[in-house]
Amino acid sequence: MNGALRHGYLDHPGPVLPFAHRGGAADGLENTAAAFRRAADEGYRYFETDVHATADGRLVAFHDPTLDRVTDARGRIAELPWSRVREARVAGTEPLPLFEELLAEFPDARWNVDVKAESALLPLLGLVRRTGAWDRICVGSFSEARVARAQRLAGPRLATSYGVRGVLALRLRSLGVPVPLRRGAVCAQVPETQNGVRVVDRWFVATAHSLGLQVHVWTVNDPARMRALVDLGVDGIMTDRIAALRSVLTERGAWA
């Protein structure tokens, strides 16, 4: 594990942070309290989730902008009040949770939060301030501007990862191109490959570590790839298959 710990969010006794991606999405109950309960029962302490804001400003743990793909309801979350969104059921059975409810139900959990829309950013930062959850939240987004804004508004108490532009800059640095990189992030959260092009290799990991950054890789569901990434020295792995990742890390003596 990278020794340059710079934020309490990253304080973990094991060499690899195991993230339950959407709570462990393999069974279709993604981003539900039931999924996160199962992950907690498996021993997970790091959860990955996504947030959207409803039309009346409630912060919902949900991946898509619309309810259509995984629930029995339809419509854009940003255009619906919470009173309507709360009636939807994932896989026809599980309600959508408010992120505030998840923070309260799992007081020992740490959350990687992908802010899916600009309208969700201020409600999320307000929630972190009200609950004092600075060491429990890492804010991420594909939008570099959004995570940079989060960092600018909240200051160094807030852990952030890089967006797409930041990851590209870090990759270019790992190839010897001296491009500028946003300061203040604590980790790079990246796919192993993107459009068939490798992102994570030993140069990328070494460059991140030399800058005091951890490398978290998503979304890895093949045990062989999990083992290869552990050997490469990555600091975190996000998976839908929580039992498989626990098995691999236990096998490597890396499950804490």
Foldseek 3Di string as FASTA:
>chain_A
DQPLDDALLLDDPFQAQEEQEQLQCPVQQGVFPVSVVVLVVVVHQEYEFEWDAACVGFIWTDDDQWPPPFWPDTDGRNDHDPVVQQVIAGNHHTGIDGVLVVCVVRVRHAYEYEYEDLSNLVVVLVSCVVVVCLSRYEYEYLDQVSQVVSCVVNPLSHAYEGHVVQLVCLQVVLVVDPDDHDPRHAEHEEACADPNHGSDALSSCVSCSVVNHAYEYDDDADLVVLLVVVVSSHHYYYYSHSVSNQVSCVVVVRHD
